[in-house]
Amino acid sequence: MLAGFRKYYQLALEYILIFLMVVLTLVVVIAVIYRKAHASLSWYDEVASVLLAWLTYYGSALAAINREHIGFNGIINAMKPKLRFPVIILGEVLIIGFFALLAWVGVDVLRILGGDALTSLTWVPTRLTQSVIPIGAVLFIIAEVLSLPDLLKKARSAEGLAEHDAVEIPKQAPDIFDAIQKGVNK
């Protein structure tokens, strides 16, 4: 059931991102055409930057569900499988805690903005454009939680978190202190 929900959640994020990229592309193309016609659009810069921010926030949630955001799998893989589990749990608690704080502060930002509107499009409330902060944070949290079972399963395995950045770790890796000692004695 969780795998099915994860699949549809990922698909929904992909469709949202495709829609945002198409809209951003159309806005840019239309703005270029107008600029070539010596009739620049006053709202272009503001709308394009908002769309780019939305792409960034929603795209980070898609990256999180696939575990394609920045990570240090080599460090985790260097640990013994028994140690990987608590380290990953600690990392997840910190990540989810950060994004929960971001969502909470994002809601406060929306309250503070009140009746503000965009400068160039006064009928578009700033709350709408900045709603991406708490929404994106919640989407990221959901993605982290949905991808956590697979991550923990990989962490418990002997192979570890073998992903795109996987490095082969020798079975008899020298102790770091032995390596330092050898370097000092030379």
N, C-alpha and C. Protein backbone atom coordinates (compact mmCIF):
# COMPACT_ATOMS: atom_id res chain seq x y z
N MET A 1 0.82 -1.19 0.00
CA MET A 1 0.00 0.00 0.00
C MET A 1 0.87 1.27 0.00
N LEU A 2 1.93 1.25 0.84
CA LEU A 2 2.82 2.39 0.90
C LEU A 2 3.54 2.60 -0.43
N ALA A 3 3.94 1.50 -1.06
CA ALA A 3 4.62 1.59 -2.36
C ALA A 3 3.70 2.17 -3.42
N GLY A 4 2.42 1.79 -3.38
CA GLY A 4 1.46 2.35 -4.34
C GLY A 4 1.25 3.84 -4.13
N PHE A 5 1.13 4.25 -2.87
CA PHE A 5 0.96 5.68 -2.59
C PHE A 5 2.20 6.45 -3.01
N ARG A 6 3.38 5.87 -2.74
CA ARG A 6 4.63 6.53 -3.12
C ARG A 6 4.69 6.73 -4.63
N LYS A 7 4.27 5.72 -5.38
CA LYS A 7 4.28 5.79 -6.84
C LYS A 7 3.38 6.93 -7.33
N TYR A 8 2.17 7.03 -6.78
CA TYR A 8 1.24 8.08 -7.21
C TYR A 8 1.68 9.46 -6.72
N TYR A 9 2.29 9.50 -5.57
CA TYR A 9 2.82 10.76 -5.04
C TYR A 9 3.93 11.27 -5.95
N GLN A 10 4.83 10.37 -6.33
CA GLN A 10 5.92 10.74 -7.24
C GLN A 10 5.36 11.20 -8.58
N LEU A 11 4.38 10.47 -9.09
CA LEU A 11 3.77 10.83 -10.37
C LEU A 11 3.11 12.21 -10.30
N ALA A 12 2.42 12.49 -9.21
CA ALA A 12 1.78 13.80 -9.02
C ALA A 12 2.83 14.91 -9.01
N LEU A 13 3.93 14.68 -8.30
CA LEU A 13 5.00 15.69 -8.28
C LEU A 13 5.59 15.89 -9.68
N GLU A 14 5.75 14.82 -10.42
CA GLU A 14 6.28 14.93 -11.78
C GLU A 14 5.35 15.76 -12.67
N TYR A 15 4.04 15.51 -12.57
CA TYR A 15 3.08 16.28 -13.37
C TYR A 15 3.07 17.75 -12.97
N ILE A 16 3.16 18.02 -11.69
CA ILE A 16 3.21 19.41 -11.22
C ILE A 16 4.45 20.10 -11.79
N LEU A 17 5.58 19.41 -11.73
CA LEU A 17 6.82 20.00 -12.24
C LEU A 17 6.78 20.20 -13.75
N ILE A 18 6.22 19.25 -14.47
CA ILE A 18 6.10 19.41 -15.93
C ILE A 18 5.21 20.61 -16.24
N PHE A 19 4.10 20.74 -15.53
CA PHE A 19 3.21 21.87 -15.73
C PHE A 19 3.93 23.19 -15.46
N LEU A 20 4.66 23.26 -14.34
CA LEU A 20 5.38 24.49 -14.01
C LEU A 20 6.46 24.82 -15.04
N MET A 21 7.15 23.78 -15.55
CA MET A 21 8.18 24.04 -16.56
C MET A 21 7.57 24.53 -17.87
N VAL A 22 6.42 23.97 -18.24
CA VAL A 22 5.76 24.42 -19.47
C VAL A 22 5.30 25.87 -19.30
N VAL A 23 4.70 26.18 -18.17
CA VAL A 23 4.24 27.55 -17.92
C VAL A 23 5.42 28.52 -17.92
N LEU A 24 6.51 28.16 -17.24
CA LEU A 24 7.68 29.03 -17.21
C LEU A 24 8.26 29.22 -18.60
N THR A 25 8.31 28.15 -19.39
CA THR A 25 8.80 28.25 -20.76
C THR A 25 7.93 29.18 -21.59
N LEU A 26 6.61 29.04 -21.46
CA LEU A 26 5.70 29.92 -22.21
C LEU A 26 5.87 31.38 -21.80
N VAL A 27 6.00 31.62 -20.50
CA VAL A 27 6.19 33.00 -20.02
C VAL A 27 7.47 33.59 -20.60
N VAL A 28 8.55 32.82 -20.59
CA VAL A 28 9.82 33.31 -21.12
C VAL A 28 9.73 33.56 -22.62
N VAL A 29 9.14 32.63 -23.36
CA VAL A 29 9.02 32.78 -24.81
C VAL A 29 8.16 34.01 -25.15
N ILE A 30 7.05 34.14 -24.46
CA ILE A 30 6.17 35.31 -24.70
C ILE A 30 6.90 36.60 -24.37
N ALA A 31 7.65 36.61 -23.27
CA ALA A 31 8.40 37.81 -22.89
C ALA A 31 9.45 38.16 -23.93
N VAL A 32 10.12 37.15 -24.48
CA VAL A 32 11.13 37.41 -25.52
C VAL A 32 10.47 37.98 -26.77
N ILE A 33 9.34 37.42 -27.16
CA ILE A 33 8.63 37.93 -28.34
C ILE A 33 8.22 39.38 -28.12
N TYR A 34 7.67 39.69 -26.97
CA TYR A 34 7.27 41.07 -26.67
C TYR A 34 8.47 42.00 -26.64
N ARG A 35 9.58 41.52 -26.06
CA ARG A 35 10.77 42.37 -25.99
C ARG A 35 11.31 42.65 -27.39
N LYS A 36 11.28 41.64 -28.27
CA LYS A 36 11.73 41.85 -29.66
C LYS A 36 10.82 42.85 -30.38
N ALA A 37 9.56 42.88 -29.97
CA ALA A 37 8.60 43.82 -30.57
C ALA A 37 8.66 45.19 -29.88
N HIS A 38 9.66 45.39 -29.02
CA HIS A 38 9.85 46.65 -28.28
C HIS A 38 8.65 46.99 -27.41
N ALA A 39 8.06 45.96 -26.81
CA ALA A 39 6.92 46.16 -25.90
C ALA A 39 7.08 45.21 -24.71
N SER A 40 8.12 45.45 -23.89
CA SER A 40 8.42 44.56 -22.77
C SER A 40 7.25 44.46 -21.80
N LEU A 41 7.10 43.26 -21.25
CA LEU A 41 6.04 43.01 -20.27
C LEU A 41 6.53 43.43 -18.88
N SER A 42 5.72 44.19 -18.17
CA SER A 42 6.14 44.69 -16.86
C SER A 42 6.15 43.60 -15.80
N TRP A 43 5.38 42.55 -15.99
CA TRP A 43 5.22 41.51 -14.98
C TRP A 43 6.13 40.31 -15.17
N TYR A 44 6.86 40.29 -16.28
CA TYR A 44 7.64 39.10 -16.64
C TYR A 44 8.64 38.69 -15.55
N ASP A 45 9.48 39.61 -15.11
CA ASP A 45 10.54 39.26 -14.16
C ASP A 45 9.99 38.70 -12.87
N GLU A 46 8.94 39.32 -12.37
CA GLU A 46 8.36 38.89 -11.10
C GLU A 46 7.71 37.50 -11.22
N VAL A 47 6.97 37.28 -12.27
CA VAL A 47 6.29 36.00 -12.46
C VAL A 47 7.30 34.89 -12.74
N ALA A 48 8.29 35.16 -13.54
CA ALA A 48 9.30 34.14 -13.86
C ALA A 48 10.08 33.74 -12.61
N SER A 49 10.42 34.70 -11.75
CA SER A 49 11.16 34.34 -10.53
C SER A 49 10.29 33.53 -9.57
N VAL A 50 9.00 33.84 -9.50
CA VAL A 50 8.09 33.05 -8.65
C VAL A 50 7.98 31.63 -9.18
N LEU A 51 7.83 31.47 -10.50
CA LEU A 51 7.73 30.14 -11.09
C LEU A 51 9.01 29.34 -10.87
N LEU A 52 10.15 30.01 -10.95
CA LEU A 52 11.41 29.33 -10.72
C LEU A 52 11.52 28.87 -9.26
N ALA A 53 11.06 29.68 -8.33
CA ALA A 53 11.06 29.28 -6.92
C ALA A 53 10.14 28.08 -6.71
N TRP A 54 8.98 28.10 -7.33
CA TRP A 54 8.06 26.96 -7.21
C TRP A 54 8.69 25.69 -7.76
N LEU A 55 9.36 25.80 -8.92
CA LEU A 55 10.05 24.65 -9.49
C LEU A 55 11.08 24.09 -8.52
N THR A 56 11.80 24.99 -7.86
CA THR A 56 12.84 24.57 -6.92
C THR A 56 12.26 23.82 -5.74
N TYR A 57 11.21 24.37 -5.13
CA TYR A 57 10.62 23.73 -3.95
C TYR A 57 9.97 22.39 -4.29
N TYR A 58 9.17 22.37 -5.34
CA TYR A 58 8.50 21.13 -5.70
C TYR A 58 9.49 20.10 -6.24
N GLY A 59 10.51 20.57 -6.95
CA GLY A 59 11.55 19.69 -7.46
C GLY A 59 12.36 19.05 -6.34
N SER A 60 12.56 19.78 -5.24
CA SER A 60 13.29 19.19 -4.12
C SER A 60 12.50 18.06 -3.49
N ALA A 61 11.18 18.16 -3.47
CA ALA A 61 10.36 17.07 -2.95
C ALA A 61 10.47 15.84 -3.85
N LEU A 62 10.50 16.06 -5.16
CA LEU A 62 10.67 14.94 -6.09
C LEU A 62 12.05 14.30 -5.92
N ALA A 63 13.06 15.12 -5.73
CA ALA A 63 14.41 14.58 -5.49
C ALA A 63 14.45 13.79 -4.19
N ALA A 64 13.72 14.26 -3.18
CA ALA A 64 13.73 13.58 -1.88
C ALA A 64 13.08 12.20 -1.95
N ILE A 65 12.01 12.08 -2.70
CA ILE A 65 11.33 10.78 -2.76
C ILE A 65 12.20 9.74 -3.45
N ASN A 66 13.09 10.18 -4.32
CA ASN A 66 14.00 9.27 -5.00
C ASN A 66 15.39 9.24 -4.35
N ARG A 67 15.53 9.94 -3.24
CA ARG A 67 16.81 10.04 -2.54
C ARG A 67 17.91 10.53 -3.48
N GLU A 68 17.58 11.55 -4.27
CA GLU A 68 18.54 12.10 -5.23
C GLU A 68 19.04 13.47 -4.81
N HIS A 69 18.73 13.87 -3.59
CA HIS A 69 19.27 15.14 -3.12
C HIS A 69 20.66 14.90 -2.55
N ILE A 70 21.28 15.95 -2.10
CA ILE A 70 22.66 15.85 -1.61
C ILE A 70 22.72 14.89 -0.43
N GLY A 71 23.66 13.99 -0.49
CA GLY A 71 23.84 13.03 0.60
C GLY A 71 25.27 12.55 0.64
N PHE A 72 25.59 11.85 1.70
CA PHE A 72 26.95 11.34 1.89
C PHE A 72 26.88 9.84 2.13
N ASN A 73 26.46 9.12 1.12
CA ASN A 73 26.31 7.68 1.25
C ASN A 73 27.62 6.98 1.54
N GLY A 74 28.72 7.51 1.06
CA GLY A 74 30.02 6.89 1.31
C GLY A 74 30.34 6.83 2.79
N ILE A 75 29.98 7.88 3.52
CA ILE A 75 30.22 7.90 4.97
C ILE A 75 29.37 6.84 5.65
N ILE A 76 28.10 6.77 5.26
CA ILE A 76 27.19 5.77 5.86
C ILE A 76 27.66 4.36 5.49
N ASN A 77 28.06 4.16 4.25
CA ASN A 77 28.51 2.84 3.81
C ASN A 77 29.78 2.39 4.52
N ALA A 78 30.59 3.33 4.94
CA ALA A 78 31.83 2.99 5.65
C ALA A 78 31.55 2.47 7.06
N MET A 79 30.36 2.73 7.56
CA MET A 79 29.99 2.27 8.90
C MET A 79 29.52 0.82 8.86
N LYS A 80 29.58 0.20 10.01
CA LYS A 80 29.04 -1.16 10.13
C LYS A 80 27.52 -1.07 10.04
N PRO A 81 26.88 -2.10 9.48
CA PRO A 81 25.42 -2.07 9.33
C PRO A 81 24.66 -1.75 10.62
N LYS A 82 25.18 -2.20 11.77
CA LYS A 82 24.50 -1.92 13.05
C LYS A 82 24.52 -0.43 13.39
N LEU A 83 25.58 0.27 12.97
CA LEU A 83 25.71 1.69 13.28
C LEU A 83 24.96 2.56 12.27
N ARG A 84 24.77 2.04 11.07
CA ARG A 84 24.09 2.83 10.02
C ARG A 84 22.68 3.22 10.43
N PHE A 85 21.95 2.29 11.01
CA PHE A 85 20.54 2.52 11.35
C PHE A 85 20.37 3.74 12.26
N PRO A 86 21.04 3.82 13.42
CA PRO A 86 20.83 4.99 14.27
C PRO A 86 21.31 6.30 13.64
N VAL A 87 22.37 6.22 12.85
CA VAL A 87 22.87 7.44 12.20
C VAL A 87 21.85 7.95 11.17
N ILE A 88 21.27 7.03 10.42
CA ILE A 88 20.26 7.42 9.43
C ILE A 88 19.02 7.98 10.14
N ILE A 89 18.60 7.34 11.21
CA ILE A 89 17.43 7.84 11.96
C ILE A 89 17.71 9.25 12.48
N LEU A 90 18.90 9.47 13.04
CA LEU A 90 19.26 10.81 13.53
C LEU A 90 19.21 11.83 12.39
N GLY A 91 19.78 11.45 11.25
CA GLY A 91 19.76 12.35 10.09
C GLY A 91 18.35 12.67 9.64
N GLU A 92 17.50 11.65 9.61
CA GLU A 92 16.11 11.87 9.18
C GLU A 92 15.35 12.75 10.17
N VAL A 93 15.61 12.55 11.46
CA VAL A 93 14.97 13.40 12.47
C VAL A 93 15.38 14.86 12.28
N LEU A 94 16.67 15.08 12.01
CA LEU A 94 17.15 16.45 11.78
C LEU A 94 16.55 17.05 10.52
N ILE A 95 16.51 16.27 9.44
CA ILE A 95 15.96 16.78 8.18
C ILE A 95 14.47 17.08 8.32
N ILE A 96 13.72 16.14 8.87
CA ILE A 96 12.28 16.35 9.02
C ILE A 96 12.01 17.48 9.99
N GLY A 97 12.81 17.56 11.04
CA GLY A 97 12.67 18.68 12.00
C GLY A 97 12.90 20.02 11.34
N PHE A 98 13.95 20.10 10.49
CA PHE A 98 14.23 21.35 9.78
C PHE A 98 13.07 21.75 8.88
N PHE A 99 12.55 20.79 8.13
CA PHE A 99 11.46 21.12 7.20
C PHE A 99 10.14 21.39 7.93
N ALA A 100 9.95 20.78 9.09
CA ALA A 100 8.77 21.11 9.90
C ALA A 100 8.88 22.55 10.40
N LEU A 101 10.08 22.94 10.83
CA LEU A 101 10.31 24.33 11.25
C LEU A 101 10.11 25.28 10.07
N LEU A 102 10.60 24.90 8.90
CA LEU A 102 10.42 25.72 7.70
C LEU A 102 8.94 25.89 7.37
N ALA A 103 8.17 24.82 7.48
CA ALA A 103 6.72 24.91 7.21
C ALA A 103 6.05 25.83 8.21
N TRP A 104 6.41 25.70 9.47
CA TRP A 104 5.82 26.52 10.52
C TRP A 104 6.14 28.00 10.31
N VAL A 105 7.40 28.31 10.04
CA VAL A 105 7.81 29.69 9.79
C VAL A 105 7.18 30.19 8.49
N GLY A 106 7.05 29.31 7.50
CA GLY A 106 6.39 29.68 6.25
C GLY A 106 4.95 30.11 6.45
N VAL A 107 4.25 29.43 7.34
CA VAL A 107 2.86 29.81 7.65
C VAL A 107 2.86 31.17 8.34
N ASP A 108 3.82 31.42 9.23
CA ASP A 108 3.93 32.73 9.87
C ASP A 108 4.19 33.83 8.85
N VAL A 109 5.03 33.53 7.86
CA VAL A 109 5.31 34.50 6.80
C VAL A 109 4.03 34.83 6.05
N LEU A 110 3.22 33.83 5.79
CA LEU A 110 1.95 34.07 5.08
C LEU A 110 1.04 34.98 5.91
N ARG A 111 1.03 34.79 7.23
CA ARG A 111 0.22 35.66 8.10
C ARG A 111 0.72 37.10 8.06
N ILE A 112 2.04 37.26 8.07
CA ILE A 112 2.64 38.59 8.08
C ILE A 112 2.35 39.33 6.77
N LEU A 113 2.35 38.60 5.67
CA LEU A 113 2.14 39.23 4.36
C LEU A 113 0.76 39.84 4.23
N GLY A 114 -0.19 39.31 4.96
CA GLY A 114 -1.53 39.88 4.97
C GLY A 114 -2.10 40.15 3.60
N GLY A 115 -2.39 41.41 3.33
CA GLY A 115 -3.03 41.78 2.07
C GLY A 115 -2.07 42.26 1.01
N ASP A 116 -0.77 41.99 1.15
CA ASP A 116 0.21 42.41 0.15
C ASP A 116 -0.06 41.73 -1.18
N ALA A 117 0.40 42.39 -2.24
CA ALA A 117 0.24 41.84 -3.59
C ALA A 117 1.54 42.04 -4.36
N LEU A 118 1.66 41.34 -5.49
CA LEU A 118 2.83 41.54 -6.34
C LEU A 118 2.89 42.99 -6.80
N THR A 119 4.08 43.45 -7.09
CA THR A 119 4.25 44.84 -7.52
C THR A 119 3.67 45.08 -8.90
N SER A 120 3.95 44.16 -9.82
CA SER A 120 3.53 44.37 -11.21
C SER A 120 2.12 43.85 -11.49
N LEU A 121 1.69 42.87 -10.74
CA LEU A 121 0.33 42.33 -10.88
C LEU A 121 -0.38 42.48 -9.53
N THR A 122 -0.97 43.62 -9.33
CA THR A 122 -1.53 43.95 -8.01
C THR A 122 -2.72 43.08 -7.64
N TRP A 123 -3.27 42.34 -8.56
CA TRP A 123 -4.40 41.45 -8.25
C TRP A 123 -3.94 40.07 -7.78
N VAL A 124 -2.60 39.79 -7.82
CA VAL A 124 -2.06 38.51 -7.36
C VAL A 124 -1.53 38.69 -5.93
N PRO A 125 -2.14 38.02 -4.95
CA PRO A 125 -1.69 38.17 -3.56
C PRO A 125 -0.31 37.52 -3.36
N THR A 126 0.50 38.20 -2.56
CA THR A 126 1.82 37.66 -2.25
C THR A 126 1.71 36.36 -1.47
N ARG A 127 0.63 36.21 -0.73
CA ARG A 127 0.41 34.95 -0.01
C ARG A 127 0.39 33.76 -0.97
N LEU A 128 -0.18 33.95 -2.14
CA LEU A 128 -0.22 32.88 -3.13
C LEU A 128 1.19 32.51 -3.57
N THR A 129 1.99 33.51 -3.89
CA THR A 129 3.34 33.22 -4.39
C THR A 129 4.23 32.63 -3.30
N GLN A 130 4.06 33.08 -2.06
CA GLN A 130 4.91 32.59 -0.97
C GLN A 130 4.37 31.33 -0.29
N SER A 131 3.21 30.88 -0.70
CA SER A 131 2.64 29.65 -0.13
C SER A 131 3.51 28.44 -0.46
N VAL A 132 4.41 28.60 -1.41
CA VAL A 132 5.30 27.51 -1.79
C VAL A 132 6.21 27.12 -0.62
N ILE A 133 6.48 28.02 0.30
CA ILE A 133 7.39 27.70 1.41
C ILE A 133 6.80 26.62 2.31
N PRO A 134 5.63 26.84 2.91
CA PRO A 134 5.10 25.75 3.76
C PRO A 134 4.65 24.54 2.95
N ILE A 135 4.09 24.75 1.77
CA ILE A 135 3.64 23.61 0.96
C ILE A 135 4.83 22.76 0.53
N GLY A 136 5.87 23.40 0.05
CA GLY A 136 7.07 22.67 -0.36
C GLY A 136 7.72 21.93 0.79
N ALA A 137 7.72 22.54 1.98
CA ALA A 137 8.30 21.88 3.15
C ALA A 137 7.51 20.63 3.53
N VAL A 138 6.19 20.73 3.50
CA VAL A 138 5.35 19.57 3.83
C VAL A 138 5.52 18.47 2.77
N LEU A 139 5.59 18.86 1.50
CA LEU A 139 5.81 17.87 0.43
C LEU A 139 7.15 17.16 0.61
N PHE A 140 8.16 17.91 1.05
CA PHE A 140 9.48 17.31 1.28
C PHE A 140 9.42 16.32 2.44
N ILE A 141 8.72 16.68 3.51
CA ILE A 141 8.58 15.79 4.67
C ILE A 141 7.88 14.49 4.24
N ILE A 142 6.81 14.62 3.48
CA ILE A 142 6.09 13.43 3.01
C ILE A 142 7.01 12.55 2.17
N ALA A 143 7.81 13.17 1.30
CA ALA A 143 8.73 12.41 0.46
C ALA A 143 9.78 11.70 1.29
N GLU A 144 10.29 12.36 2.30
CA GLU A 144 11.29 11.73 3.19
C GLU A 144 10.69 10.52 3.89
N VAL A 145 9.49 10.68 4.42
CA VAL A 145 8.84 9.58 5.14
C VAL A 145 8.55 8.41 4.20
N LEU A 146 8.10 8.72 2.98
CA LEU A 146 7.78 7.65 2.03
C LEU A 146 9.02 6.88 1.57
N SER A 147 10.16 7.55 1.51
CA SER A 147 11.37 6.88 1.05
C SER A 147 12.18 6.26 2.18
N LEU A 148 11.79 6.51 3.41
CA LEU A 148 12.54 6.01 4.57
C LEU A 148 12.58 4.47 4.67
N PRO A 149 11.47 3.75 4.46
CA PRO A 149 11.56 2.28 4.58
C PRO A 149 12.61 1.65 3.65
N ASP A 150 12.67 2.09 2.41
CA ASP A 150 13.67 1.55 1.48
C ASP A 150 15.08 1.92 1.93
N LEU A 151 15.25 3.13 2.43
CA LEU A 151 16.55 3.58 2.90
C LEU A 151 17.03 2.72 4.06
N LEU A 152 16.14 2.45 5.00
CA LEU A 152 16.52 1.64 6.17
C LEU A 152 16.82 0.20 5.76
N LYS A 153 16.08 -0.31 4.79
CA LYS A 153 16.33 -1.67 4.30
C LYS A 153 17.72 -1.75 3.67
N LYS A 154 18.07 -0.77 2.87
CA LYS A 154 19.40 -0.74 2.25
C LYS A 154 20.49 -0.58 3.31
N ALA A 155 20.21 0.23 4.31
CA ALA A 155 21.22 0.48 5.36
C ALA A 155 21.55 -0.78 6.13
N ARG A 156 20.57 -1.64 6.32
CA ARG A 156 20.78 -2.89 7.07
C ARG A 156 21.51 -3.95 6.25
N SER A 157 21.53 -3.77 4.93
CA SER A 157 22.16 -4.77 4.07
C SER A 157 23.68 -4.62 4.10
N ALA A 158 24.36 -5.64 3.67
CA ALA A 158 25.82 -5.61 3.62
C ALA A 158 26.34 -4.63 2.58
N GLU A 159 25.57 -4.45 1.49
CA GLU A 159 25.99 -3.53 0.42
C GLU A 159 25.86 -2.08 0.84
N GLY A 160 24.95 -1.78 1.73
CA GLY A 160 24.74 -0.41 2.16
C GLY A 160 23.92 0.38 1.17
N LEU A 161 24.16 1.65 1.14
CA LEU A 161 23.38 2.57 0.31
C LEU A 161 24.04 2.73 -1.05
N ALA A 162 24.16 1.67 -1.79
CA ALA A 162 24.80 1.71 -3.10
C ALA A 162 23.89 2.46 -4.06
N GLU A 163 24.30 3.64 -4.39
CA GLU A 163 23.53 4.50 -5.31
C GLU A 163 24.48 5.02 -6.38
N HIS A 164 24.13 6.16 -6.95
CA HIS A 164 24.92 6.75 -8.02
C HIS A 164 26.31 7.17 -7.57
N ASP A 165 26.48 7.46 -6.30
CA ASP A 165 27.78 7.90 -5.80
C ASP A 165 28.52 6.79 -5.06
N ALA A 166 28.12 5.56 -5.31
CA ALA A 166 28.70 4.43 -4.58
C ALA A 166 30.19 4.29 -4.88
N VAL A 167 30.93 4.02 -3.84
CA VAL A 167 32.34 3.73 -3.98
C VAL A 167 32.58 2.36 -3.36
N GLU A 168 33.51 1.64 -3.94
CA GLU A 168 33.79 0.31 -3.41
C GLU A 168 34.66 0.45 -2.17
N ILE A 169 34.20 -0.15 -1.11
CA ILE A 169 34.94 -0.09 0.16
C ILE A 169 35.61 -1.44 0.35
N PRO A 170 36.94 -1.44 0.56
CA PRO A 170 37.63 -2.72 0.75
C PRO A 170 37.12 -3.44 2.00
N LYS A 171 37.09 -4.77 1.91
CA LYS A 171 36.59 -5.55 3.04
C LYS A 171 37.49 -5.41 4.26
N GLN A 172 38.78 -5.32 4.04
CA GLN A 172 39.74 -5.17 5.13
C GLN A 172 40.33 -3.76 5.08
N ALA A 173 39.49 -2.78 5.28
CA ALA A 173 39.95 -1.40 5.26
C ALA A 173 40.88 -1.17 6.44
N PRO A 174 42.02 -0.51 6.22
CA PRO A 174 42.93 -0.25 7.32
C PRO A 174 42.29 0.71 8.32
N ASP A 175 42.64 0.54 9.55
CA ASP A 175 42.16 1.42 10.60
C ASP A 175 42.73 2.81 10.36
N ILE A 176 41.97 3.82 10.56
CA ILE A 176 42.41 5.20 10.31
C ILE A 176 43.60 5.56 11.19
N PHE A 177 43.60 5.03 12.40
CA PHE A 177 44.71 5.33 13.31
C PHE A 177 46.00 4.65 12.86
N ASP A 178 45.90 3.46 12.27
CA ASP A 178 47.07 2.79 11.72
C ASP A 178 47.66 3.61 10.58
N ALA A 179 46.79 4.12 9.71
CA ALA A 179 47.23 4.92 8.58
C ALA A 179 47.91 6.19 9.05
N ILE A 180 47.38 6.83 10.06
CA ILE A 180 47.98 8.06 10.59
C ILE A 180 49.33 7.74 11.21
N GLN A 181 49.39 6.65 11.97
CA GLN A 181 50.62 6.25 12.63
C GLN A 181 51.72 5.96 11.60
N LYS A 182 51.37 5.26 10.53
CA LYS A 182 52.35 4.96 9.49
C LYS A 182 52.87 6.25 8.86
N GLY A 183 51.98 7.21 8.67
CA GLY A 183 52.37 8.49 8.09
C GLY A 183 53.29 9.27 9.01
N VAL A 184 53.09 9.19 10.31
CA VAL A 184 53.89 9.91 11.29
C VAL A 184 55.28 9.28 11.39
N ASN A 185 55.35 7.95 11.30
CA ASN A 185 56.62 7.25 11.44
C ASN A 185 57.53 7.37 10.23
N LYS A 186 57.05 7.84 9.13
CA LYS A 186 57.88 7.95 7.91
C LYS A 186 58.87 9.07 7.99
